[in-house]
Amino acid sequence: YLVLDWNWRDQKLRRMADIPEIKLD
């Protein structure tokens, strides 16, 4: 099972997939 913390947003309301460095990794 691979679970992605997809819907959580940081203080700038960015998801994990919205941050370029994290998306690349």
mmCIF file of all heavy atoms, coordinates in Angstrom:
data_MODEL
# 
_entry.id   MODEL 
# 
loop_
_atom_site.group_PDB 
_atom_site.id 
_atom_site.type_symbol 
_atom_site.label_atom_id 
_atom_site.label_alt_id 
_atom_site.label_comp_id 
_atom_site.label_asym_id 
_atom_site.label_entity_id 
_atom_site.label_seq_id 
_atom_site.pdbx_PDB_ins_code 
_atom_site.Cartn_x 
_atom_site.Cartn_y 
_atom_site.Cartn_z 
_atom_site.occupancy 
_atom_site.B_iso_or_equiv 
_atom_site.pdbx_formal_charge 
_atom_site.auth_seq_id 
_atom_site.auth_comp_id 
_atom_site.auth_asym_id 
_atom_site.auth_atom_id 
_atom_site.pdbx_PDB_model_num 
ATOM 1   N N   . TYR A 1 1  ? 0.845  -1.200 0.000   1.00 0.00 ? 1  TYR A N   1 
ATOM 2   C CA  . TYR A 1 1  ? 0.000  0.000  0.000   1.00 0.00 ? 1  TYR A CA  1 
ATOM 3   C C   . TYR A 1 1  ? 0.882  1.253  0.000   1.00 0.00 ? 1  TYR A C   1 
ATOM 4   O O   . TYR A 1 1  ? 1.778  1.392  0.840   1.00 0.00 ? 1  TYR A O   1 
ATOM 5   C CB  . TYR A 1 1  ? -0.909 0.030  1.231   1.00 0.00 ? 1  TYR A CB  1 
ATOM 6   C CG  . TYR A 1 1  ? -1.840 -1.148 1.332   1.00 0.00 ? 1  TYR A CG  1 
ATOM 7   C CD1 . TYR A 1 1  ? -1.563 -2.191 2.236   1.00 0.00 ? 1  TYR A CD1 1 
ATOM 8   C CD2 . TYR A 1 1  ? -2.981 -1.237 0.542   1.00 0.00 ? 1  TYR A CD2 1 
ATOM 9   C CE1 . TYR A 1 1  ? -2.413 -3.273 2.340   1.00 0.00 ? 1  TYR A CE1 1 
ATOM 10  C CE2 . TYR A 1 1  ? -3.840 -2.334 0.640   1.00 0.00 ? 1  TYR A CE2 1 
ATOM 11  C CZ  . TYR A 1 1  ? -3.540 -3.341 1.529   1.00 0.00 ? 1  TYR A CZ  1 
ATOM 12  O OH  . TYR A 1 1  ? -4.381 -4.432 1.627   1.00 0.00 ? 1  TYR A OH  1 
ATOM 13  N N   . LEU A 1 2  ? 0.610  2.126  -0.941  1.00 0.00 ? 2  LEU A N   1 
ATOM 14  C CA  . LEU A 1 2  ? 1.255  3.444  -0.992  1.00 0.00 ? 2  LEU A CA  1 
ATOM 15  C C   . LEU A 1 2  ? 0.168  4.499  -0.804  1.00 0.00 ? 2  LEU A C   1 
ATOM 16  O O   . LEU A 1 2  ? -0.710 4.665  -1.656  1.00 0.00 ? 2  LEU A O   1 
ATOM 17  C CB  . LEU A 1 2  ? 1.960  3.657  -2.334  1.00 0.00 ? 2  LEU A CB  1 
ATOM 18  C CG  . LEU A 1 2  ? 2.589  5.046  -2.548  1.00 0.00 ? 2  LEU A CG  1 
ATOM 19  C CD1 . LEU A 1 2  ? 3.798  5.245  -1.636  1.00 0.00 ? 2  LEU A CD1 1 
ATOM 20  C CD2 . LEU A 1 2  ? 3.001  5.247  -4.001  1.00 0.00 ? 2  LEU A CD2 1 
ATOM 21  N N   . VAL A 1 3  ? 0.237  5.198  0.326   1.00 0.00 ? 3  VAL A N   1 
ATOM 22  C CA  . VAL A 1 3  ? -0.770 6.225  0.650   1.00 0.00 ? 3  VAL A CA  1 
ATOM 23  C C   . VAL A 1 3  ? -0.108 7.599  0.526   1.00 0.00 ? 3  VAL A C   1 
ATOM 24  O O   . VAL A 1 3  ? 0.927  7.857  1.156   1.00 0.00 ? 3  VAL A O   1 
ATOM 25  C CB  . VAL A 1 3  ? -1.335 6.017  2.065   1.00 0.00 ? 3  VAL A CB  1 
ATOM 26  C CG1 . VAL A 1 3  ? -2.308 7.150  2.418   1.00 0.00 ? 3  VAL A CG1 1 
ATOM 27  C CG2 . VAL A 1 3  ? -2.046 4.668  2.157   1.00 0.00 ? 3  VAL A CG2 1 
ATOM 28  N N   . LEU A 1 4  ? -0.717 8.447  -0.269  1.00 0.00 ? 4  LEU A N   1 
ATOM 29  C CA  . LEU A 1 4  ? -0.195 9.801  -0.498  1.00 0.00 ? 4  LEU A CA  1 
ATOM 30  C C   . LEU A 1 4  ? -1.005 10.806 0.311   1.00 0.00 ? 4  LEU A C   1 
ATOM 31  O O   . LEU A 1 4  ? -2.237 10.793 0.277   1.00 0.00 ? 4  LEU A O   1 
ATOM 32  C CB  . LEU A 1 4  ? -0.269 10.148 -1.988  1.00 0.00 ? 4  LEU A CB  1 
ATOM 33  C CG  . LEU A 1 4  ? 0.370  9.156  -2.959  1.00 0.00 ? 4  LEU A CG  1 
ATOM 34  C CD1 . LEU A 1 4  ? 0.117  9.596  -4.392  1.00 0.00 ? 4  LEU A CD1 1 
ATOM 35  C CD2 . LEU A 1 4  ? 1.854  9.008  -2.699  1.00 0.00 ? 4  LEU A CD2 1 
ATOM 36  N N   . ASP A 1 5  ? -0.299 11.677 1.011   1.00 0.00 ? 5  ASP A N   1 
ATOM 37  C CA  . ASP A 1 5  ? -0.948 12.744 1.791   1.00 0.00 ? 5  ASP A CA  1 
ATOM 38  C C   . ASP A 1 5  ? -1.348 13.863 0.821   1.00 0.00 ? 5  ASP A C   1 
ATOM 39  O O   . ASP A 1 5  ? -0.839 14.981 0.864   1.00 0.00 ? 5  ASP A O   1 
ATOM 40  C CB  . ASP A 1 5  ? 0.022  13.238 2.862   1.00 0.00 ? 5  ASP A CB  1 
ATOM 41  C CG  . ASP A 1 5  ? -0.638 14.170 3.861   1.00 0.00 ? 5  ASP A CG  1 
ATOM 42  O OD1 . ASP A 1 5  ? -1.869 14.056 4.043   1.00 0.00 ? 5  ASP A OD1 1 
ATOM 43  O OD2 . ASP A 1 5  ? 0.066  15.009 4.433   1.00 0.00 ? 5  ASP A OD2 1 
ATOM 44  N N   . TRP A 1 6  ? -2.288 13.544 -0.047  1.00 0.00 ? 6  TRP A N   1 
ATOM 45  C CA  . TRP A 1 6  ? -2.598 14.360 -1.222  1.00 0.00 ? 6  TRP A CA  1 
ATOM 46  C C   . TRP A 1 6  ? -3.358 15.645 -0.889  1.00 0.00 ? 6  TRP A C   1 
ATOM 47  O O   . TRP A 1 6  ? -3.087 16.708 -1.460  1.00 0.00 ? 6  TRP A O   1 
ATOM 48  C CB  . TRP A 1 6  ? -3.408 13.518 -2.204  1.00 0.00 ? 6  TRP A CB  1 
ATOM 49  C CG  . TRP A 1 6  ? -3.608 14.157 -3.547  1.00 0.00 ? 6  TRP A CG  1 
ATOM 50  C CD1 . TRP A 1 6  ? -4.659 14.924 -3.942  1.00 0.00 ? 6  TRP A CD1 1 
ATOM 51  C CD2 . TRP A 1 6  ? -2.725 14.088 -4.664  1.00 0.00 ? 6  TRP A CD2 1 
ATOM 52  N NE1 . TRP A 1 6  ? -4.491 15.339 -5.232  1.00 0.00 ? 6  TRP A NE1 1 
ATOM 53  C CE2 . TRP A 1 6  ? -3.304 14.832 -5.707  1.00 0.00 ? 6  TRP A CE2 1 
ATOM 54  C CE3 . TRP A 1 6  ? -1.500 13.463 -4.898  1.00 0.00 ? 6  TRP A CE3 1 
ATOM 55  C CZ2 . TRP A 1 6  ? -2.695 14.969 -6.947  1.00 0.00 ? 6  TRP A CZ2 1 
ATOM 56  C CZ3 . TRP A 1 6  ? -0.912 13.600 -6.135  1.00 0.00 ? 6  TRP A CZ3 1 
ATOM 57  C CH2 . TRP A 1 6  ? -1.509 14.352 -7.144  1.00 0.00 ? 6  TRP A CH2 1 
ATOM 58  N N   . ASN A 1 7  ? -4.333 15.565 -0.009  1.00 0.00 ? 7  ASN A N   1 
ATOM 59  C CA  . ASN A 1 7  ? -5.246 16.693 0.228   1.00 0.00 ? 7  ASN A CA  1 
ATOM 60  C C   . ASN A 1 7  ? -4.753 17.689 1.270   1.00 0.00 ? 7  ASN A C   1 
ATOM 61  O O   . ASN A 1 7  ? -5.341 18.771 1.398   1.00 0.00 ? 7  ASN A O   1 
ATOM 62  C CB  . ASN A 1 7  ? -6.619 16.161 0.660   1.00 0.00 ? 7  ASN A CB  1 
ATOM 63  C CG  . ASN A 1 7  ? -7.277 15.335 -0.425  1.00 0.00 ? 7  ASN A CG  1 
ATOM 64  O OD1 . ASN A 1 7  ? -7.432 15.785 -1.550  1.00 0.00 ? 7  ASN A OD1 1 
ATOM 65  N ND2 . ASN A 1 7  ? -7.652 14.100 -0.096  1.00 0.00 ? 7  ASN A ND2 1 
ATOM 66  N N   . TRP A 1 8  ? -3.720 17.344 2.005   1.00 0.00 ? 8  TRP A N   1 
ATOM 67  C CA  . TRP A 1 8  ? -3.234 18.265 3.035   1.00 0.00 ? 8  TRP A CA  1 
ATOM 68  C C   . TRP A 1 8  ? -2.533 19.454 2.399   1.00 0.00 ? 8  TRP A C   1 
ATOM 69  O O   . TRP A 1 8  ? -1.811 19.317 1.418   1.00 0.00 ? 8  TRP A O   1 
ATOM 70  C CB  . TRP A 1 8  ? -2.277 17.549 3.983   1.00 0.00 ? 8  TRP A CB  1 
ATOM 71  C CG  . TRP A 1 8  ? -1.815 18.405 5.119   1.00 0.00 ? 8  TRP A CG  1 
ATOM 72  C CD1 . TRP A 1 8  ? -2.486 18.678 6.269   1.00 0.00 ? 8  TRP A CD1 1 
ATOM 73  C CD2 . TRP A 1 8  ? -0.579 19.120 5.197   1.00 0.00 ? 8  TRP A CD2 1 
ATOM 74  N NE1 . TRP A 1 8  ? -1.751 19.516 7.072   1.00 0.00 ? 8  TRP A NE1 1 
ATOM 75  C CE2 . TRP A 1 8  ? -0.566 19.808 6.430   1.00 0.00 ? 8  TRP A CE2 1 
ATOM 76  C CE3 . TRP A 1 8  ? 0.523  19.255 4.343   1.00 0.00 ? 8  TRP A CE3 1 
ATOM 77  C CZ2 . TRP A 1 8  ? 0.493  20.599 6.838   1.00 0.00 ? 8  TRP A CZ2 1 
ATOM 78  C CZ3 . TRP A 1 8  ? 1.588  20.064 4.739   1.00 0.00 ? 8  TRP A CZ3 1 
ATOM 79  C CH2 . TRP A 1 8  ? 1.564  20.724 5.981   1.00 0.00 ? 8  TRP A CH2 1 
ATOM 80  N N   . ARG A 1 9  ? -2.724 20.644 2.985   1.00 0.00 ? 9  ARG A N   1 
ATOM 81  C CA  . ARG A 1 9  ? -2.129 21.877 2.458   1.00 0.00 ? 9  ARG A CA  1 
ATOM 82  C C   . ARG A 1 9  ? -1.341 22.581 3.548   1.00 0.00 ? 9  ARG A C   1 
ATOM 83  O O   . ARG A 1 9  ? -1.733 22.563 4.718   1.00 0.00 ? 9  ARG A O   1 
ATOM 84  C CB  . ARG A 1 9  ? -3.210 22.808 1.906   1.00 0.00 ? 9  ARG A CB  1 
ATOM 85  C CG  . ARG A 1 9  ? -4.003 22.189 0.752   1.00 0.00 ? 9  ARG A CG  1 
ATOM 86  C CD  . ARG A 1 9  ? -5.057 23.145 0.232   1.00 0.00 ? 9  ARG A CD  1 
ATOM 87  N NE  . ARG A 1 9  ? -5.883 22.509 -0.777  1.00 0.00 ? 9  ARG A NE  1 
ATOM 88  C CZ  . ARG A 1 9  ? -5.579 22.432 -2.067  1.00 0.00 ? 9  ARG A CZ  1 
ATOM 89  N NH1 . ARG A 1 9  ? -4.465 22.972 -2.508  1.00 0.00 ? 9  ARG A NH1 1 
ATOM 90  N NH2 . ARG A 1 9  ? -6.387 21.828 -2.918  1.00 0.00 ? 9  ARG A NH2 1 
ATOM 91  N N   . ASP A 1 10 ? -0.262 23.216 3.152   1.00 0.00 ? 10 ASP A N   1 
ATOM 92  C CA  . ASP A 1 10 ? 0.575  23.941 4.113   1.00 0.00 ? 10 ASP A CA  1 
ATOM 93  C C   . ASP A 1 10 ? 0.021  25.340 4.350   1.00 0.00 ? 10 ASP A C   1 
ATOM 94  O O   . ASP A 1 10 ? -1.119 25.647 3.957   1.00 0.00 ? 10 ASP A O   1 
ATOM 95  C CB  . ASP A 1 10 ? 2.027  23.980 3.617   1.00 0.00 ? 10 ASP A CB  1 
ATOM 96  C CG  . ASP A 1 10 ? 2.166  24.693 2.274   1.00 0.00 ? 10 ASP A CG  1 
ATOM 97  O OD1 . ASP A 1 10 ? 1.163  25.249 1.787   1.00 0.00 ? 10 ASP A OD1 1 
ATOM 98  O OD2 . ASP A 1 10 ? 3.280  24.696 1.706   1.00 0.00 ? 10 ASP A OD2 1 
ATOM 99  N N   . GLN A 1 11 ? 0.819  26.210 4.969   1.00 0.00 ? 11 GLN A N   1 
ATOM 100 C CA  . GLN A 1 11 ? 0.351  27.567 5.291   1.00 0.00 ? 11 GLN A CA  1 
ATOM 101 C C   . GLN A 1 11 ? 0.032  28.380 4.037   1.00 0.00 ? 11 GLN A C   1 
ATOM 102 O O   . GLN A 1 11 ? -0.800 29.280 4.070   1.00 0.00 ? 11 GLN A O   1 
ATOM 103 C CB  . GLN A 1 11 ? 1.417  28.301 6.110   1.00 0.00 ? 11 GLN A CB  1 
ATOM 104 C CG  . GLN A 1 11 ? 1.594  27.724 7.509   1.00 0.00 ? 11 GLN A CG  1 
ATOM 105 C CD  . GLN A 1 11 ? 2.658  28.456 8.304   1.00 0.00 ? 11 GLN A CD  1 
ATOM 106 O OE1 . GLN A 1 11 ? 3.401  29.270 7.753   1.00 0.00 ? 11 GLN A OE1 1 
ATOM 107 N NE2 . GLN A 1 11 ? 2.754  28.169 9.585   1.00 0.00 ? 11 GLN A NE2 1 
ATOM 108 N N   . LYS A 1 12 ? 0.715  28.071 2.928   1.00 0.00 ? 12 LYS A N   1 
ATOM 109 C CA  . LYS A 1 12 ? 0.453  28.759 1.663   1.00 0.00 ? 12 LYS A CA  1 
ATOM 110 C C   . LYS A 1 12 ? -0.604 28.043 0.829   1.00 0.00 ? 12 LYS A C   1 
ATOM 111 O O   . LYS A 1 12 ? -0.759 28.341 -0.357  1.00 0.00 ? 12 LYS A O   1 
ATOM 112 C CB  . LYS A 1 12 ? 1.750  28.862 0.861   1.00 0.00 ? 12 LYS A CB  1 
ATOM 113 C CG  . LYS A 1 12 ? 2.797  29.733 1.523   1.00 0.00 ? 12 LYS A CG  1 
ATOM 114 C CD  . LYS A 1 12 ? 4.045  29.821 0.672   1.00 0.00 ? 12 LYS A CD  1 
ATOM 115 C CE  . LYS A 1 12 ? 5.096  30.697 1.329   1.00 0.00 ? 12 LYS A CE  1 
ATOM 116 N NZ  . LYS A 1 12 ? 6.337  30.778 0.509   1.00 0.00 ? 12 LYS A NZ  1 
ATOM 117 N N   . LEU A 1 13 ? -1.300 27.107 1.459   1.00 0.00 ? 13 LEU A N   1 
ATOM 118 C CA  . LEU A 1 13 ? -2.381 26.343 0.815   1.00 0.00 ? 13 LEU A CA  1 
ATOM 119 C C   . LEU A 1 13 ? -1.885 25.498 -0.358  1.00 0.00 ? 13 LEU A C   1 
ATOM 120 O O   . LEU A 1 13 ? -2.621 25.224 -1.301  1.00 0.00 ? 13 LEU A O   1 
ATOM 121 C CB  . LEU A 1 13 ? -3.506 27.277 0.349   1.00 0.00 ? 13 LEU A CB  1 
ATOM 122 C CG  . LEU A 1 13 ? -4.181 28.118 1.435   1.00 0.00 ? 13 LEU A CG  1 
ATOM 123 C CD1 . LEU A 1 13 ? -5.221 29.041 0.825   1.00 0.00 ? 13 LEU A CD1 1 
ATOM 124 C CD2 . LEU A 1 13 ? -4.819 27.256 2.492   1.00 0.00 ? 13 LEU A CD2 1 
ATOM 125 N N   . ARG A 1 14 ? -0.634 25.058 -0.279  1.00 0.00 ? 14 ARG A N   1 
ATOM 126 C CA  . ARG A 1 14 ? -0.068 24.213 -1.330  1.00 0.00 ? 14 ARG A CA  1 
ATOM 127 C C   . ARG A 1 14 ? -0.155 22.742 -0.949  1.00 0.00 ? 14 ARG A C   1 
ATOM 128 O O   . ARG A 1 14 ? 0.125  22.385 0.200   1.00 0.00 ? 14 ARG A O   1 
ATOM 129 C CB  . ARG A 1 14 ? 1.397  24.570 -1.582  1.00 0.00 ? 14 ARG A CB  1 
ATOM 130 C CG  . ARG A 1 14 ? 1.618  25.973 -2.089  1.00 0.00 ? 14 ARG A CG  1 
ATOM 131 C CD  . ARG A 1 14 ? 3.099  26.244 -2.250  1.00 0.00 ? 14 ARG A CD  1 
ATOM 132 N NE  . ARG A 1 14 ? 3.808  26.092 -0.982  1.00 0.00 ? 14 ARG A NE  1 
ATOM 133 C CZ  . ARG A 1 14 ? 5.130  26.212 -0.852  1.00 0.00 ? 14 ARG A CZ  1 
ATOM 134 N NH1 . ARG A 1 14 ? 5.877  26.476 -1.908  1.00 0.00 ? 14 ARG A NH1 1 
ATOM 135 N NH2 . ARG A 1 14 ? 5.699  26.064 0.328   1.00 0.00 ? 14 ARG A NH2 1 
ATOM 136 N N   . ARG A 1 15 ? -0.534 21.933 -1.902  1.00 0.00 ? 15 ARG A N   1 
ATOM 137 C CA  . ARG A 1 15 ? -0.515 20.491 -1.688  1.00 0.00 ? 15 ARG A CA  1 
ATOM 138 C C   . ARG A 1 15 ? 0.890  19.945 -1.961  1.00 0.00 ? 15 ARG A C   1 
ATOM 139 O O   . ARG A 1 15 ? 1.764  20.660 -2.426  1.00 0.00 ? 15 ARG A O   1 
ATOM 140 C CB  . ARG A 1 15 ? -1.518 19.803 -2.620  1.00 0.00 ? 15 ARG A CB  1 
ATOM 141 C CG  . ARG A 1 15 ? -2.955 20.241 -2.423  1.00 0.00 ? 15 ARG A CG  1 
ATOM 142 C CD  . ARG A 1 15 ? -3.840 19.603 -3.473  1.00 0.00 ? 15 ARG A CD  1 
ATOM 143 N NE  . ARG A 1 15 ? -3.379 19.953 -4.818  1.00 0.00 ? 15 ARG A NE  1 
ATOM 144 C CZ  . ARG A 1 15 ? -3.876 19.430 -5.933  1.00 0.00 ? 15 ARG A CZ  1 
ATOM 145 N NH1 . ARG A 1 15 ? -4.845 18.538 -5.883  1.00 0.00 ? 15 ARG A NH1 1 
ATOM 146 N NH2 . ARG A 1 15 ? -3.409 19.802 -7.112  1.00 0.00 ? 15 ARG A NH2 1 
ATOM 147 N N   . MET A 1 16 ? 1.054  18.677 -1.684  1.00 0.00 ? 16 MET A N   1 
ATOM 148 C CA  . MET A 1 16 ? 2.335  18.040 -1.939  1.00 0.00 ? 16 MET A CA  1 
ATOM 149 C C   . MET A 1 16 ? 2.718  18.130 -3.414  1.00 0.00 ? 16 MET A C   1 
ATOM 150 O O   . MET A 1 16 ? 3.874  18.375 -3.766  1.00 0.00 ? 16 MET A O   1 
ATOM 151 C CB  . MET A 1 16 ? 2.258  16.580 -1.490  1.00 0.00 ? 16 MET A CB  1 
ATOM 152 C CG  . MET A 1 16 ? 3.528  15.786 -1.676  1.00 0.00 ? 16 MET A CG  1 
ATOM 153 S SD  . MET A 1 16 ? 3.380  14.101 -1.063  1.00 0.00 ? 16 MET A SD  1 
ATOM 154 C CE  . MET A 1 16 ? 2.209  13.439 -2.249  1.00 0.00 ? 16 MET A CE  1 
ATOM 155 N N   . ALA A 1 17 ? 1.745  17.973 -4.283  1.00 0.00 ? 17 ALA A N   1 
ATOM 156 C CA  . ALA A 1 17 ? 2.003  17.999 -5.727  1.00 0.00 ? 17 ALA A CA  1 
ATOM 157 C C   . ALA A 1 17 ? 2.194  19.413 -6.271  1.00 0.00 ? 17 ALA A C   1 
ATOM 158 O O   . ALA A 1 17 ? 2.631  19.570 -7.415  1.00 0.00 ? 17 ALA A O   1 
ATOM 159 C CB  . ALA A 1 17 ? 0.849  17.334 -6.470  1.00 0.00 ? 17 ALA A CB  1 
ATOM 160 N N   . ASP A 1 18 ? 1.907  20.445 -5.472  1.00 0.00 ? 18 ASP A N   1 
ATOM 161 C CA  . ASP A 1 18 ? 2.060  21.828 -5.920  1.00 0.00 ? 18 ASP A CA  1 
ATOM 162 C C   . ASP A 1 18 ? 3.453  22.381 -5.666  1.00 0.00 ? 18 ASP A C   1 
ATOM 163 O O   . ASP A 1 18 ? 3.808  23.432 -6.212  1.00 0.00 ? 18 ASP A O   1 
ATOM 164 C CB  . ASP A 1 18 ? 1.039  22.728 -5.221  1.00 0.00 ? 18 ASP A CB  1 
ATOM 165 C CG  . ASP A 1 18 ? -0.390 22.342 -5.566  1.00 0.00 ? 18 ASP A CG  1 
ATOM 166 O OD1 . ASP A 1 18 ? -0.617 21.891 -6.698  1.00 0.00 ? 18 ASP A OD1 1 
ATOM 167 O OD2 . ASP A 1 18 ? -1.268 22.463 -4.690  1.00 0.00 ? 18 ASP A OD2 1 
ATOM 168 N N   . ILE A 1 19 ? 4.254  21.712 -4.842  1.00 0.00 ? 19 ILE A N   1 
ATOM 169 C CA  . ILE A 1 19 ? 5.608  22.174 -4.516  1.00 0.00 ? 19 ILE A CA  1 
ATOM 170 C C   . ILE A 1 19 ? 6.577  21.522 -5.502  1.00 0.00 ? 19 ILE A C   1 
ATOM 171 O O   . ILE A 1 19 ? 6.678  20.296 -5.547  1.00 0.00 ? 19 ILE A O   1 
ATOM 172 C CB  . ILE A 1 19 ? 5.972  21.820 -3.061  1.00 0.00 ? 19 ILE A CB  1 
ATOM 173 C CG1 . ILE A 1 19 ? 4.939  22.431 -2.103  1.00 0.00 ? 19 ILE A CG1 1 
ATOM 174 C CG2 . ILE A 1 19 ? 7.366  22.312 -2.717  1.00 0.00 ? 19 ILE A CG2 1 
ATOM 175 C CD1 . ILE A 1 19 ? 5.023  21.934 -0.689  1.00 0.00 ? 19 ILE A CD1 1 
ATOM 176 N N   . PRO A 1 20 ? 7.288  22.300 -6.317  1.00 0.00 ? 20 PRO A N   1 
ATOM 177 C CA  . PRO A 1 20 ? 8.105  21.727 -7.401  1.00 0.00 ? 20 PRO A CA  1 
ATOM 178 C C   . PRO A 1 20 ? 9.136  20.697 -6.937  1.00 0.00 ? 20 PRO A C   1 
ATOM 179 O O   . PRO A 1 20 ? 9.293  19.647 -7.554  1.00 0.00 ? 20 PRO A O   1 
ATOM 180 C CB  . PRO A 1 20 ? 8.789  22.952 -8.015  1.00 0.00 ? 20 PRO A CB  1 
ATOM 181 C CG  . PRO A 1 20 ? 7.916  24.100 -7.654  1.00 0.00 ? 20 PRO A CG  1 
ATOM 182 C CD  . PRO A 1 20 ? 7.318  23.775 -6.333  1.00 0.00 ? 20 PRO A CD  1 
ATOM 183 N N   . GLU A 1 21 ? 9.862  20.986 -5.828  1.00 0.00 ? 21 GLU A N   1 
ATOM 184 C CA  . GLU A 1 21 ? 10.916 20.071 -5.386  1.00 0.00 ? 21 GLU A CA  1 
ATOM 185 C C   . GLU A 1 21 ? 10.330 18.729 -4.952  1.00 0.00 ? 21 GLU A C   1 
ATOM 186 O O   . GLU A 1 21 ? 10.864 17.659 -5.297  1.00 0.00 ? 21 GLU A O   1 
ATOM 187 C CB  . GLU A 1 21 ? 11.702 20.683 -4.218  1.00 0.00 ? 21 GLU A CB  1 
ATOM 188 C CG  . GLU A 1 21 ? 12.294 22.062 -4.499  1.00 0.00 ? 21 GLU A CG  1 
ATOM 189 C CD  . GLU A 1 21 ? 11.323 23.186 -4.238  1.00 0.00 ? 21 GLU A CD  1 
ATOM 190 O OE1 . GLU A 1 21 ? 10.445 23.028 -3.371  1.00 0.00 ? 21 GLU A OE1 1 
ATOM 191 O OE2 . GLU A 1 21 ? 11.435 24.223 -4.918  1.00 0.00 ? 21 GLU A OE2 1 
ATOM 192 N N   . ILE A 1 22 ? 9.225  18.792 -4.215  1.00 0.00 ? 22 ILE A N   1 
ATOM 193 C CA  . ILE A 1 22 ? 8.608  17.565 -3.719  1.00 0.00 ? 22 ILE A CA  1 
ATOM 194 C C   . ILE A 1 22 ? 7.981  16.788 -4.875  1.00 0.00 ? 22 ILE A C   1 
ATOM 195 O O   . ILE A 1 22 ? 8.044  15.553 -4.915  1.00 0.00 ? 22 ILE A O   1 
ATOM 196 C CB  . ILE A 1 22 ? 7.565  17.899 -2.632  1.00 0.00 ? 22 ILE A CB  1 
ATOM 197 C CG1 . ILE A 1 22 ? 8.286  18.509 -1.418  1.00 0.00 ? 22 ILE A CG1 1 
ATOM 198 C CG2 . ILE A 1 22 ? 6.783  16.660 -2.217  1.00 0.00 ? 22 ILE A CG2 1 
ATOM 199 C CD1 . ILE A 1 22 ? 7.392  19.119 -0.397  1.00 0.00 ? 22 ILE A CD1 1 
ATOM 200 N N   . LYS A 1 23 ? 7.401  17.498 -5.820  1.00 0.00 ? 23 LYS A N   1 
ATOM 201 C CA  . LYS A 1 23 ? 6.812  16.828 -6.985  1.00 0.00 ? 23 LYS A CA  1 
ATOM 202 C C   . LYS A 1 23 ? 7.887  16.087 -7.783  1.00 0.00 ? 23 LYS A C   1 
ATOM 203 O O   . LYS A 1 23 ? 7.662  14.954 -8.234  1.00 0.00 ? 23 LYS A O   1 
ATOM 204 C CB  . LYS A 1 23 ? 6.107  17.860 -7.870  1.00 0.00 ? 23 LYS A CB  1 
ATOM 205 C CG  . LYS A 1 23 ? 5.411  17.245 -9.073  1.00 0.00 ? 23 LYS A CG  1 
ATOM 206 C CD  . LYS A 1 23 ? 4.591  18.277 -9.824  1.00 0.00 ? 23 LYS A CD  1 
ATOM 207 C CE  . LYS A 1 23 ? 5.441  19.239 -10.578 1.00 0.00 ? 23 LYS A CE  1 
ATOM 208 N NZ  . LYS A 1 23 ? 4.655  20.154 -11.451 1.00 0.00 ? 23 LYS A NZ  1 
ATOM 209 N N   . LEU A 1 24 ? 9.051  16.700 -7.940  1.00 0.00 ? 24 LEU A N   1 
ATOM 210 C CA  . LEU A 1 24 ? 10.150 16.059 -8.664  1.00 0.00 ? 24 LEU A CA  1 
ATOM 211 C C   . LEU A 1 24 ? 10.606 14.785 -7.956  1.00 0.00 ? 24 LEU A C   1 
ATOM 212 O O   . LEU A 1 24 ? 10.790 13.731 -8.589  1.00 0.00 ? 24 LEU A O   1 
ATOM 213 C CB  . LEU A 1 24 ? 11.310 17.048 -8.792  1.00 0.00 ? 24 LEU A CB  1 
ATOM 214 C CG  . LEU A 1 24 ? 12.553 16.567 -9.540  1.00 0.00 ? 24 LEU A CG  1 
ATOM 215 C CD1 . LEU A 1 24 ? 12.227 16.282 -10.991 1.00 0.00 ? 24 LEU A CD1 1 
ATOM 216 C CD2 . LEU A 1 24 ? 13.666 17.603 -9.430  1.00 0.00 ? 24 LEU A CD2 1 
ATOM 217 N N   . ASP A 1 25 ? 10.781 14.864 -6.625  1.00 0.00 ? 25 ASP A N   1 
ATOM 218 C CA  . ASP A 1 25 ? 11.195 13.683 -5.857  1.00 0.00 ? 25 ASP A CA  1 
ATOM 219 C C   . ASP A 1 25 ? 10.119 12.595 -5.886  1.00 0.00 ? 25 ASP A C   1 
ATOM 220 O O   . ASP A 1 25 ? 10.433 11.404 -5.908  1.00 0.00 ? 25 ASP A O   1 
ATOM 221 C CB  . ASP A 1 25 ? 11.501 14.087 -4.410  1.00 0.00 ? 25 ASP A CB  1 
ATOM 222 C CG  . ASP A 1 25 ? 12.721 14.987 -4.310  1.00 0.00 ? 25 ASP A CG  1 
ATOM 223 O OD1 . ASP A 1 25 ? 13.629 14.856 -5.143  1.00 0.00 ? 25 ASP A OD1 1 
ATOM 224 O OD2 . ASP A 1 25 ? 12.751 15.839 -3.396  1.00 0.00 ? 25 ASP A OD2 1 
# 
